[in-house]
Amino acid sequence: MNITVYCGANIGNNNIYEKATIKLGKWIASNNNTLIYGGSKSGLMDVLASVVMKNGGKAIGVIPKFLMEIELAHEGLTQLIKVEDMSSRKKKMVELGDVYIALPGGPGTLEEISEVISWSRLGKNNNPCILFNENNYYDNLKHQYDLMVKEGFLSQDGRDRILFSNDLNEIDNFIKNYKIPEIRKYDRK
């Protein structure tokens, strides 16, 4: 299975995020999955790819040419795919992925996971979306999704298809038992 992971090009201020990244990387490798990620040798992206590779796993990076100098492309990956721009990167990472996981990160990480979550409600993504909620990093977003349900902007079924967890057993069960959400239908008046 190909697991697309979105995460920070920075390491963060708390080493708990690096430890969580190591935990996820070992899990990906030990389950014979392939990592799909942003191709960088910076921050949590570097930690993740390096751990997967050191533990005998495969890592495929997807990096825009302009970022190769800013973030530095990770050398020694199973495969490094060079693309023209960020839109092409996101598209390729979605195409290659069977599961999408967001580790802690910045606006780019949030934008990428939000996009695949949104696409699932439109029938353009049939794969699980998971926010790796280490140190309750994504709790505010979790509450926002719950508020969307309460206020009628998201169905409970759609909300139930988004997992916030840092428990690898729970994540594994969520992936194995994932059901594709119903495509949203709009009333015409």
N, C-alpha and C. Protein backbone atom coordinates (compact mmCIF):
# COMPACT_ATOMS: atom_id res chain seq x y z
N MET A 1 0.84 -1.17 0.00
CA MET A 1 0.00 0.00 0.00
C MET A 1 0.90 1.24 0.00
N ASN A 2 0.50 2.23 -0.76
CA ASN A 2 1.21 3.51 -0.79
C ASN A 2 0.56 4.47 0.20
N ILE A 3 1.37 4.98 1.13
CA ILE A 3 0.86 5.90 2.14
C ILE A 3 1.46 7.27 1.88
N THR A 4 0.61 8.19 1.47
CA THR A 4 1.04 9.58 1.27
C THR A 4 1.01 10.28 2.61
N VAL A 5 2.16 10.85 2.97
CA VAL A 5 2.26 11.56 4.24
C VAL A 5 2.62 13.02 3.97
N TYR A 6 1.81 13.90 4.52
CA TYR A 6 2.07 15.33 4.47
C TYR A 6 2.66 15.72 5.83
N CYS A 7 3.74 16.48 5.82
CA CYS A 7 4.34 16.90 7.09
C CYS A 7 5.26 18.10 6.86
N GLY A 8 5.73 18.63 7.96
CA GLY A 8 6.51 19.86 7.93
C GLY A 8 7.89 19.72 7.33
N ALA A 9 8.32 20.78 6.65
CA ALA A 9 9.70 20.90 6.18
C ALA A 9 10.56 21.49 7.30
N ASN A 10 9.93 21.72 8.45
CA ASN A 10 10.64 22.12 9.67
C ASN A 10 10.49 20.99 10.67
N ILE A 11 11.32 21.00 11.67
CA ILE A 11 11.31 19.96 12.69
C ILE A 11 10.35 20.29 13.83
N GLY A 12 10.00 21.58 13.98
CA GLY A 12 9.14 22.00 15.07
C GLY A 12 9.94 22.30 16.32
N ASN A 13 9.27 22.84 17.33
CA ASN A 13 9.93 23.24 18.57
C ASN A 13 9.91 22.17 19.65
N ASN A 14 9.19 21.10 19.42
CA ASN A 14 9.03 20.06 20.44
C ASN A 14 9.47 18.74 19.84
N ASN A 15 10.42 18.05 20.47
CA ASN A 15 10.93 16.80 19.90
C ASN A 15 9.91 15.68 19.89
N ILE A 16 8.75 15.89 20.49
CA ILE A 16 7.70 14.89 20.45
C ILE A 16 7.23 14.64 19.02
N TYR A 17 7.30 15.67 18.17
CA TYR A 17 6.86 15.51 16.79
C TYR A 17 7.86 14.68 15.98
N GLU A 18 9.13 14.85 16.27
CA GLU A 18 10.15 14.01 15.63
C GLU A 18 9.97 12.56 16.05
N LYS A 19 9.71 12.33 17.32
CA LYS A 19 9.50 10.97 17.82
C LYS A 19 8.28 10.33 17.16
N ALA A 20 7.21 11.11 17.00
CA ALA A 20 6.01 10.60 16.34
C ALA A 20 6.29 10.27 14.88
N THR A 21 7.10 11.09 14.24
CA THR A 21 7.46 10.86 12.85
C THR A 21 8.27 9.57 12.72
N ILE A 22 9.18 9.35 13.64
CA ILE A 22 9.97 8.11 13.65
C ILE A 22 9.05 6.91 13.83
N LYS A 23 8.10 7.03 14.76
CA LYS A 23 7.14 5.95 15.02
C LYS A 23 6.34 5.62 13.75
N LEU A 24 5.86 6.64 13.08
CA LEU A 24 5.08 6.42 11.86
C LEU A 24 5.96 5.83 10.76
N GLY A 25 7.18 6.33 10.62
CA GLY A 25 8.09 5.81 9.59
C GLY A 25 8.39 4.33 9.79
N LYS A 26 8.64 3.94 11.02
CA LYS A 26 8.91 2.51 11.32
C LYS A 26 7.68 1.66 11.02
N TRP A 27 6.51 2.19 11.34
CA TRP A 27 5.26 1.47 11.06
C TRP A 27 5.06 1.28 9.56
N ILE A 28 5.31 2.32 8.79
CA ILE A 28 5.17 2.22 7.33
C ILE A 28 6.10 1.13 6.80
N ALA A 29 7.37 1.16 7.21
CA ALA A 29 8.34 0.19 6.72
C ALA A 29 8.02 -1.22 7.19
N SER A 30 7.67 -1.39 8.46
CA SER A 30 7.45 -2.73 9.01
C SER A 30 6.21 -3.39 8.42
N ASN A 31 5.31 -2.62 7.86
CA ASN A 31 4.10 -3.17 7.23
C ASN A 31 4.24 -3.30 5.72
N ASN A 32 5.46 -3.15 5.23
CA ASN A 32 5.77 -3.28 3.79
C ASN A 32 4.98 -2.30 2.93
N ASN A 33 4.72 -1.12 3.49
CA ASN A 33 4.07 -0.06 2.74
C ASN A 33 5.14 0.82 2.10
N THR A 34 4.74 1.61 1.14
CA THR A 34 5.63 2.56 0.49
C THR A 34 5.23 3.97 0.90
N LEU A 35 6.21 4.75 1.30
CA LEU A 35 5.98 6.15 1.64
C LEU A 35 5.96 6.99 0.38
N ILE A 36 4.95 7.83 0.26
CA ILE A 36 4.89 8.88 -0.75
C ILE A 36 4.93 10.18 0.03
N TYR A 37 5.86 11.06 -0.29
CA TYR A 37 5.97 12.31 0.47
C TYR A 37 6.59 13.38 -0.41
N GLY A 38 6.81 14.57 0.16
CA GLY A 38 7.23 15.74 -0.59
C GLY A 38 8.65 15.78 -1.11
N GLY A 39 9.46 14.75 -0.86
CA GLY A 39 10.78 14.64 -1.48
C GLY A 39 11.90 15.45 -0.85
N SER A 40 11.62 16.13 0.24
CA SER A 40 12.60 17.03 0.84
C SER A 40 13.52 16.32 1.83
N LYS A 41 14.69 16.92 2.00
CA LYS A 41 15.62 16.47 3.04
C LYS A 41 15.65 17.53 4.15
N SER A 42 14.49 18.08 4.46
CA SER A 42 14.37 19.11 5.50
C SER A 42 13.30 18.69 6.49
N GLY A 43 13.52 19.02 7.75
CA GLY A 43 12.51 18.88 8.78
C GLY A 43 11.98 17.48 8.97
N LEU A 44 10.68 17.40 9.28
CA LEU A 44 10.05 16.11 9.50
C LEU A 44 10.03 15.26 8.24
N MET A 45 10.04 15.91 7.08
CA MET A 45 10.08 15.15 5.83
C MET A 45 11.35 14.31 5.75
N ASP A 46 12.48 14.89 6.12
CA ASP A 46 13.75 14.17 6.12
C ASP A 46 13.72 13.03 7.13
N VAL A 47 13.25 13.32 8.32
CA VAL A 47 13.19 12.29 9.37
C VAL A 47 12.37 11.11 8.89
N LEU A 48 11.20 11.38 8.34
CA LEU A 48 10.29 10.33 7.90
C LEU A 48 10.91 9.46 6.81
N ALA A 49 11.39 10.08 5.76
CA ALA A 49 11.97 9.30 4.65
C ALA A 49 13.19 8.51 5.11
N SER A 50 14.03 9.12 5.91
CA SER A 50 15.24 8.44 6.39
C SER A 50 14.90 7.22 7.24
N VAL A 51 13.91 7.36 8.12
CA VAL A 51 13.50 6.23 8.96
C VAL A 51 12.92 5.11 8.12
N VAL A 52 12.06 5.45 7.17
CA VAL A 52 11.48 4.41 6.30
C VAL A 52 12.59 3.66 5.57
N MET A 53 13.53 4.39 4.99
CA MET A 53 14.62 3.76 4.23
C MET A 53 15.53 2.92 5.15
N LYS A 54 15.88 3.44 6.32
CA LYS A 54 16.75 2.72 7.26
C LYS A 54 16.11 1.43 7.74
N ASN A 55 14.79 1.37 7.72
CA ASN A 55 14.08 0.18 8.18
C ASN A 55 13.63 -0.71 7.04
N GLY A 56 14.25 -0.56 5.89
CA GLY A 56 14.01 -1.45 4.76
C GLY A 56 12.79 -1.14 3.93
N GLY A 57 12.20 0.02 4.14
CA GLY A 57 11.02 0.40 3.37
C GLY A 57 11.37 1.16 2.10
N LYS A 58 10.35 1.45 1.34
CA LYS A 58 10.50 2.22 0.11
C LYS A 58 9.95 3.62 0.34
N ALA A 59 10.64 4.60 -0.24
CA ALA A 59 10.22 6.00 -0.12
C ALA A 59 10.29 6.67 -1.48
N ILE A 60 9.17 7.21 -1.90
CA ILE A 60 9.08 7.93 -3.17
C ILE A 60 8.81 9.40 -2.85
N GLY A 61 9.70 10.26 -3.30
CA GLY A 61 9.55 11.68 -3.09
C GLY A 61 9.04 12.36 -4.34
N VAL A 62 8.21 13.38 -4.15
CA VAL A 62 7.68 14.18 -5.26
C VAL A 62 8.01 15.64 -4.94
N ILE A 63 8.87 16.24 -5.75
CA ILE A 63 9.33 17.59 -5.42
C ILE A 63 9.33 18.48 -6.65
N PRO A 64 8.81 19.71 -6.50
CA PRO A 64 8.89 20.67 -7.59
C PRO A 64 10.34 21.11 -7.79
N LYS A 65 10.68 21.38 -9.02
CA LYS A 65 12.06 21.77 -9.33
C LYS A 65 12.51 22.99 -8.53
N PHE A 66 11.63 23.97 -8.34
CA PHE A 66 12.04 25.18 -7.63
C PHE A 66 12.33 24.93 -6.15
N LEU A 67 11.78 23.86 -5.58
CA LEU A 67 12.03 23.55 -4.18
C LEU A 67 13.29 22.72 -3.97
N MET A 68 13.84 22.21 -5.04
CA MET A 68 15.02 21.35 -4.89
C MET A 68 16.19 22.09 -4.27
N GLU A 69 16.27 23.38 -4.49
CA GLU A 69 17.35 24.15 -3.90
C GLU A 69 16.97 24.73 -2.54
N ILE A 70 15.71 25.08 -2.36
CA ILE A 70 15.26 25.65 -1.09
C ILE A 70 15.24 24.58 0.00
N GLU A 71 14.56 23.46 -0.26
CA GLU A 71 14.40 22.41 0.74
C GLU A 71 15.46 21.32 0.61
N LEU A 72 16.14 21.27 -0.50
CA LEU A 72 17.10 20.21 -0.80
C LEU A 72 16.42 18.87 -0.97
N ALA A 73 16.50 18.33 -2.15
CA ALA A 73 15.89 17.03 -2.44
C ALA A 73 16.63 15.95 -1.67
N HIS A 74 15.89 15.00 -1.19
CA HIS A 74 16.46 13.87 -0.45
C HIS A 74 17.11 12.91 -1.44
N GLU A 75 18.37 12.65 -1.24
CA GLU A 75 19.08 11.71 -2.11
C GLU A 75 18.97 10.30 -1.52
N GLY A 76 19.01 9.31 -2.35
CA GLY A 76 18.99 7.94 -1.88
C GLY A 76 17.60 7.37 -1.68
N LEU A 77 16.58 8.05 -2.17
CA LEU A 77 15.23 7.53 -2.09
C LEU A 77 15.06 6.39 -3.09
N THR A 78 14.02 5.63 -2.91
CA THR A 78 13.68 4.60 -3.89
C THR A 78 13.44 5.25 -5.24
N GLN A 79 12.76 6.40 -5.20
CA GLN A 79 12.49 7.16 -6.41
C GLN A 79 12.25 8.62 -6.04
N LEU A 80 12.76 9.52 -6.85
CA LEU A 80 12.50 10.95 -6.70
C LEU A 80 11.86 11.44 -7.99
N ILE A 81 10.64 11.92 -7.87
CA ILE A 81 9.89 12.41 -9.03
C ILE A 81 9.96 13.93 -9.00
N LYS A 82 10.49 14.51 -10.08
CA LYS A 82 10.59 15.97 -10.18
C LYS A 82 9.42 16.47 -11.01
N VAL A 83 8.73 17.48 -10.47
CA VAL A 83 7.57 18.05 -11.15
C VAL A 83 7.77 19.56 -11.30
N GLU A 84 6.90 20.18 -12.07
CA GLU A 84 7.04 21.61 -12.38
C GLU A 84 6.67 22.54 -11.23
N ASP A 85 5.58 22.23 -10.52
CA ASP A 85 5.07 23.18 -9.53
C ASP A 85 4.33 22.46 -8.41
N MET A 86 3.85 23.24 -7.45
CA MET A 86 3.17 22.67 -6.29
C MET A 86 1.88 21.94 -6.67
N SER A 87 1.15 22.47 -7.63
CA SER A 87 -0.08 21.81 -8.06
C SER A 87 0.22 20.43 -8.62
N SER A 88 1.28 20.34 -9.40
CA SER A 88 1.68 19.04 -9.97
C SER A 88 2.13 18.10 -8.86
N ARG A 89 2.82 18.63 -7.86
CA ARG A 89 3.27 17.80 -6.73
C ARG A 89 2.07 17.21 -6.00
N LYS A 90 1.11 18.07 -5.65
CA LYS A 90 -0.07 17.60 -4.93
C LYS A 90 -0.83 16.56 -5.74
N LYS A 91 -0.99 16.82 -7.01
CA LYS A 91 -1.72 15.89 -7.88
C LYS A 91 -1.03 14.53 -7.92
N LYS A 92 0.27 14.53 -8.08
CA LYS A 92 1.02 13.28 -8.16
C LYS A 92 0.96 12.51 -6.85
N MET A 93 1.08 13.23 -5.72
CA MET A 93 1.03 12.56 -4.41
C MET A 93 -0.35 11.95 -4.16
N VAL A 94 -1.39 12.59 -4.62
CA VAL A 94 -2.74 12.04 -4.49
C VAL A 94 -2.89 10.83 -5.39
N GLU A 95 -2.43 10.93 -6.63
CA GLU A 95 -2.53 9.81 -7.57
C GLU A 95 -1.83 8.56 -7.05
N LEU A 96 -0.69 8.74 -6.43
CA LEU A 96 0.11 7.61 -5.96
C LEU A 96 -0.40 7.02 -4.65
N GLY A 97 -1.15 7.79 -3.86
CA GLY A 97 -1.53 7.36 -2.52
C GLY A 97 -2.76 6.48 -2.46
N ASP A 98 -2.72 5.56 -1.47
CA ASP A 98 -3.88 4.74 -1.12
C ASP A 98 -4.47 5.19 0.22
N VAL A 99 -3.67 5.93 0.97
CA VAL A 99 -4.04 6.49 2.27
C VAL A 99 -3.33 7.83 2.37
N TYR A 100 -3.96 8.80 3.07
CA TYR A 100 -3.35 10.11 3.26
C TYR A 100 -3.27 10.40 4.75
N ILE A 101 -2.06 10.70 5.22
CA ILE A 101 -1.84 10.99 6.63
C ILE A 101 -1.13 12.33 6.74
N ALA A 102 -1.62 13.16 7.66
CA ALA A 102 -0.94 14.43 7.94
C ALA A 102 -0.31 14.36 9.31
N LEU A 103 1.02 14.40 9.34
CA LEU A 103 1.75 14.62 10.58
C LEU A 103 1.68 16.10 10.89
N PRO A 104 2.13 16.54 12.05
CA PRO A 104 2.17 17.98 12.31
C PRO A 104 2.98 18.71 11.24
N GLY A 105 2.53 19.90 10.92
CA GLY A 105 3.19 20.72 9.91
C GLY A 105 2.56 22.09 9.88
N GLY A 106 2.90 22.83 8.87
CA GLY A 106 2.42 24.20 8.74
C GLY A 106 1.25 24.31 7.78
N PRO A 107 1.07 25.51 7.20
CA PRO A 107 -0.05 25.76 6.31
C PRO A 107 -0.09 24.82 5.09
N GLY A 108 1.06 24.47 4.56
CA GLY A 108 1.08 23.58 3.40
C GLY A 108 0.54 22.20 3.75
N THR A 109 0.94 21.68 4.90
CA THR A 109 0.46 20.38 5.36
C THR A 109 -1.05 20.42 5.55
N LEU A 110 -1.52 21.47 6.19
CA LEU A 110 -2.95 21.62 6.44
C LEU A 110 -3.73 21.73 5.13
N GLU A 111 -3.18 22.49 4.20
CA GLU A 111 -3.85 22.65 2.91
C GLU A 111 -3.94 21.32 2.16
N GLU A 112 -2.88 20.54 2.19
CA GLU A 112 -2.86 19.27 1.45
C GLU A 112 -3.84 18.26 2.01
N ILE A 113 -3.87 18.09 3.33
CA ILE A 113 -4.81 17.12 3.90
C ILE A 113 -6.24 17.62 3.77
N SER A 114 -6.45 18.93 3.90
CA SER A 114 -7.80 19.48 3.76
C SER A 114 -8.34 19.24 2.35
N GLU A 115 -7.46 19.35 1.37
CA GLU A 115 -7.89 19.13 -0.01
C GLU A 115 -8.38 17.70 -0.22
N VAL A 116 -7.62 16.70 0.25
CA VAL A 116 -8.05 15.32 0.02
C VAL A 116 -9.29 14.97 0.84
N ILE A 117 -9.45 15.60 2.01
CA ILE A 117 -10.67 15.40 2.79
C ILE A 117 -11.86 15.96 2.01
N SER A 118 -11.71 17.15 1.48
CA SER A 118 -12.78 17.78 0.71
C SER A 118 -13.14 16.96 -0.53
N TRP A 119 -12.12 16.47 -1.20
CA TRP A 119 -12.35 15.68 -2.41
C TRP A 119 -13.14 14.40 -2.13
N SER A 120 -12.97 13.83 -0.93
CA SER A 120 -13.69 12.59 -0.62
C SER A 120 -15.20 12.83 -0.62
N ARG A 121 -15.62 14.00 -0.22
CA ARG A 121 -17.05 14.32 -0.20
C ARG A 121 -17.61 14.57 -1.59
N LEU A 122 -16.71 14.80 -2.55
CA LEU A 122 -17.12 15.06 -3.93
C LEU A 122 -16.92 13.86 -4.84
N GLY A 123 -16.50 12.73 -4.27
CA GLY A 123 -16.29 11.52 -5.04
C GLY A 123 -14.98 11.50 -5.81
N LYS A 124 -14.05 12.37 -5.46
CA LYS A 124 -12.76 12.43 -6.16
C LYS A 124 -11.63 11.81 -5.35
N ASN A 125 -11.93 11.29 -4.15
CA ASN A 125 -10.94 10.60 -3.33
C ASN A 125 -11.67 9.52 -2.54
N ASN A 126 -11.33 8.28 -2.81
CA ASN A 126 -11.96 7.15 -2.13
C ASN A 126 -11.08 6.56 -1.05
N ASN A 127 -10.06 7.29 -0.61
CA ASN A 127 -9.07 6.76 0.32
C ASN A 127 -9.17 7.42 1.69
N PRO A 128 -8.74 6.70 2.75
CA PRO A 128 -8.79 7.24 4.10
C PRO A 128 -7.93 8.48 4.29
N CYS A 129 -8.42 9.39 5.12
CA CYS A 129 -7.70 10.61 5.49
C CYS A 129 -7.52 10.64 7.00
N ILE A 130 -6.27 10.78 7.43
CA ILE A 130 -5.93 10.67 8.84
C ILE A 130 -5.07 11.85 9.25
N LEU A 131 -5.41 12.45 10.38
CA LEU A 131 -4.57 13.49 10.96
C LEU A 131 -3.88 12.89 12.16
N PHE A 132 -2.56 12.74 12.08
CA PHE A 132 -1.77 12.12 13.14
C PHE A 132 -1.69 13.13 14.29
N ASN A 133 -2.55 12.92 15.25
CA ASN A 133 -2.82 13.93 16.28
C ASN A 133 -1.88 13.82 17.48
N GLU A 134 -0.59 13.86 17.22
CA GLU A 134 0.41 13.79 18.29
C GLU A 134 0.35 15.05 19.15
N ASN A 135 0.37 14.84 20.45
CA ASN A 135 0.37 15.95 21.40
C ASN A 135 -0.85 16.86 21.20
N ASN A 136 -1.94 16.26 20.72
CA ASN A 136 -3.20 16.98 20.46
C ASN A 136 -3.02 18.12 19.46
N TYR A 137 -2.06 17.97 18.57
CA TYR A 137 -1.72 19.03 17.62
C TYR A 137 -2.93 19.46 16.79
N TYR A 138 -3.76 18.50 16.39
CA TYR A 138 -4.88 18.82 15.51
C TYR A 138 -6.22 18.93 16.25
N ASP A 139 -6.21 19.06 17.57
CA ASP A 139 -7.47 19.14 18.31
C ASP A 139 -8.35 20.31 17.89
N ASN A 140 -7.76 21.46 17.64
CA ASN A 140 -8.58 22.61 17.21
C ASN A 140 -9.27 22.33 15.88
N LEU A 141 -8.57 21.67 14.98
CA LEU A 141 -9.18 21.32 13.70
C LEU A 141 -10.26 20.26 13.89
N LYS A 142 -10.00 19.32 14.77
CA LYS A 142 -11.01 18.29 15.08
C LYS A 142 -12.29 18.96 15.59
N HIS A 143 -12.14 19.92 16.48
CA HIS A 143 -13.31 20.64 17.00
C HIS A 143 -14.01 21.43 15.90
N GLN A 144 -13.25 21.96 14.96
CA GLN A 144 -13.84 22.70 13.85
C GLN A 144 -14.69 21.77 12.97
N TYR A 145 -14.18 20.56 12.70
CA TYR A 145 -14.97 19.60 11.92
C TYR A 145 -16.24 19.21 12.67
N ASP A 146 -16.14 19.04 13.99
CA ASP A 146 -17.33 18.74 14.79
C ASP A 146 -18.32 19.89 14.73
N LEU A 147 -17.82 21.12 14.74
CA LEU A 147 -18.70 22.28 14.62
C LEU A 147 -19.37 22.33 13.25
N MET A 148 -18.64 21.93 12.22
CA MET A 148 -19.24 21.87 10.87
C MET A 148 -20.45 20.94 10.86
N VAL A 149 -20.35 19.81 11.56
CA VAL A 149 -21.48 18.89 11.65
C VAL A 149 -22.63 19.54 12.42
N LYS A 150 -22.31 20.11 13.57
CA LYS A 150 -23.33 20.73 14.41
C LYS A 150 -24.08 21.84 13.66
N GLU A 151 -23.37 22.61 12.87
CA GLU A 151 -23.97 23.74 12.17
C GLU A 151 -24.50 23.38 10.78
N GLY A 152 -24.42 22.10 10.40
CA GLY A 152 -25.04 21.65 9.16
C GLY A 152 -24.21 21.83 7.90
N PHE A 153 -22.91 21.99 8.03
CA PHE A 153 -22.04 22.16 6.86
C PHE A 153 -21.30 20.88 6.49
N LEU A 154 -21.40 19.86 7.31
CA LEU A 154 -20.77 18.56 7.07
C LEU A 154 -21.66 17.50 7.69
N SER A 155 -21.87 16.41 6.97
CA SER A 155 -22.69 15.33 7.53
C SER A 155 -21.88 14.56 8.57
N GLN A 156 -22.59 13.88 9.46
CA GLN A 156 -21.91 13.05 10.44
C GLN A 156 -21.16 11.92 9.75
N ASP A 157 -21.74 11.38 8.67
CA ASP A 157 -21.06 10.34 7.90
C ASP A 157 -19.72 10.85 7.36
N GLY A 158 -19.72 12.06 6.83
CA GLY A 158 -18.48 12.64 6.32
C GLY A 158 -17.47 12.85 7.43
N ARG A 159 -17.92 13.31 8.58
CA ARG A 159 -17.03 13.52 9.73
C ARG A 159 -16.44 12.20 10.21
N ASP A 160 -17.25 11.14 10.19
CA ASP A 160 -16.79 9.84 10.66
C ASP A 160 -15.71 9.24 9.75
N ARG A 161 -15.55 9.80 8.56
CA ARG A 161 -14.55 9.30 7.62
C ARG A 161 -13.21 10.01 7.75
N ILE A 162 -13.08 10.85 8.78
CA ILE A 162 -11.83 11.56 9.06
C ILE A 162 -11.35 11.11 10.43
N LEU A 163 -10.15 10.56 10.50
CA LEU A 163 -9.63 10.09 11.78
C LEU A 163 -8.58 11.04 12.33
N PHE A 164 -8.73 11.37 13.61
CA PHE A 164 -7.73 12.14 14.35
C PHE A 164 -7.17 11.18 15.40
N SER A 165 -5.94 10.72 15.21
CA SER A 165 -5.38 9.75 16.14
C SER A 165 -3.87 9.67 15.97
N ASN A 166 -3.18 9.26 17.03
CA ASN A 166 -1.76 8.94 16.94
C ASN A 166 -1.52 7.50 17.38
N ASP A 167 -2.60 6.73 17.49
CA ASP A 167 -2.53 5.32 17.86
C ASP A 167 -2.45 4.48 16.59
N LEU A 168 -1.31 3.82 16.40
CA LEU A 168 -1.10 3.08 15.14
C LEU A 168 -2.06 1.91 14.97
N ASN A 169 -2.50 1.29 16.07
CA ASN A 169 -3.50 0.22 15.95
C ASN A 169 -4.84 0.78 15.48
N GLU A 170 -5.22 1.92 16.05
CA GLU A 170 -6.46 2.57 15.62
C GLU A 170 -6.37 3.01 14.15
N ILE A 171 -5.23 3.54 13.77
CA ILE A 171 -5.02 3.96 12.38
C ILE A 171 -5.10 2.76 11.45
N ASP A 172 -4.45 1.67 11.81
CA ASP A 172 -4.47 0.45 10.99
C ASP A 172 -5.90 -0.07 10.83
N ASN A 173 -6.66 -0.11 11.92
CA ASN A 173 -8.06 -0.57 11.85
C ASN A 173 -8.91 0.36 11.02
N PHE A 174 -8.68 1.67 11.14
CA PHE A 174 -9.43 2.64 10.35
C PHE A 174 -9.19 2.41 8.86
N ILE A 175 -7.94 2.18 8.50
CA ILE A 175 -7.60 1.93 7.09
C ILE A 175 -8.26 0.65 6.60
N LYS A 176 -8.13 -0.42 7.37
CA LYS A 176 -8.68 -1.73 6.95
C LYS A 176 -10.19 -1.73 6.85
N ASN A 177 -10.86 -0.95 7.69
CA ASN A 177 -12.33 -0.94 7.72
C ASN A 177 -12.95 0.29 7.07
N TYR A 178 -12.16 1.03 6.33
CA TYR A 178 -12.63 2.29 5.76
C TYR A 178 -13.73 2.05 4.74
N LYS A 179 -14.77 2.86 4.86
CA LYS A 179 -15.86 2.84 3.89
C LYS A 179 -15.90 4.19 3.19
N ILE A 180 -16.03 4.18 1.91
CA ILE A 180 -16.07 5.40 1.11
C ILE A 180 -17.30 6.22 1.51
N PRO A 181 -17.10 7.52 1.79
CA PRO A 181 -18.26 8.34 2.16
C PRO A 181 -19.21 8.53 0.98
N GLU A 182 -20.45 8.76 1.32
CA GLU A 182 -21.43 9.05 0.27
C GLU A 182 -21.08 10.39 -0.37
N ILE A 183 -21.28 10.45 -1.66
CA ILE A 183 -21.03 11.71 -2.37
C ILE A 183 -22.13 12.70 -1.97
N ARG A 184 -21.69 13.87 -1.65
CA ARG A 184 -22.64 14.89 -1.22
C ARG A 184 -23.61 15.23 -2.34
N LYS A 185 -24.87 15.33 -1.98
CA LYS A 185 -25.91 15.72 -2.94
C LYS A 185 -26.47 17.06 -2.50
N TYR A 186 -26.77 17.88 -3.46
CA TYR A 186 -27.28 19.22 -3.18
C TYR A 186 -28.74 19.30 -3.61
N ASP A 187 -29.54 19.93 -2.77
CA ASP A 187 -30.94 20.12 -3.10
C ASP A 187 -31.08 21.25 -4.11
N ARG A 188 -31.92 21.02 -5.08
CA ARG A 188 -32.22 22.09 -6.04
C ARG A 188 -33.60 22.64 -5.72
N LYS A 189 -33.68 23.92 -5.62
CA LYS A 189 -34.98 24.53 -5.28
C LYS A 189 -35.49 25.36 -6.41
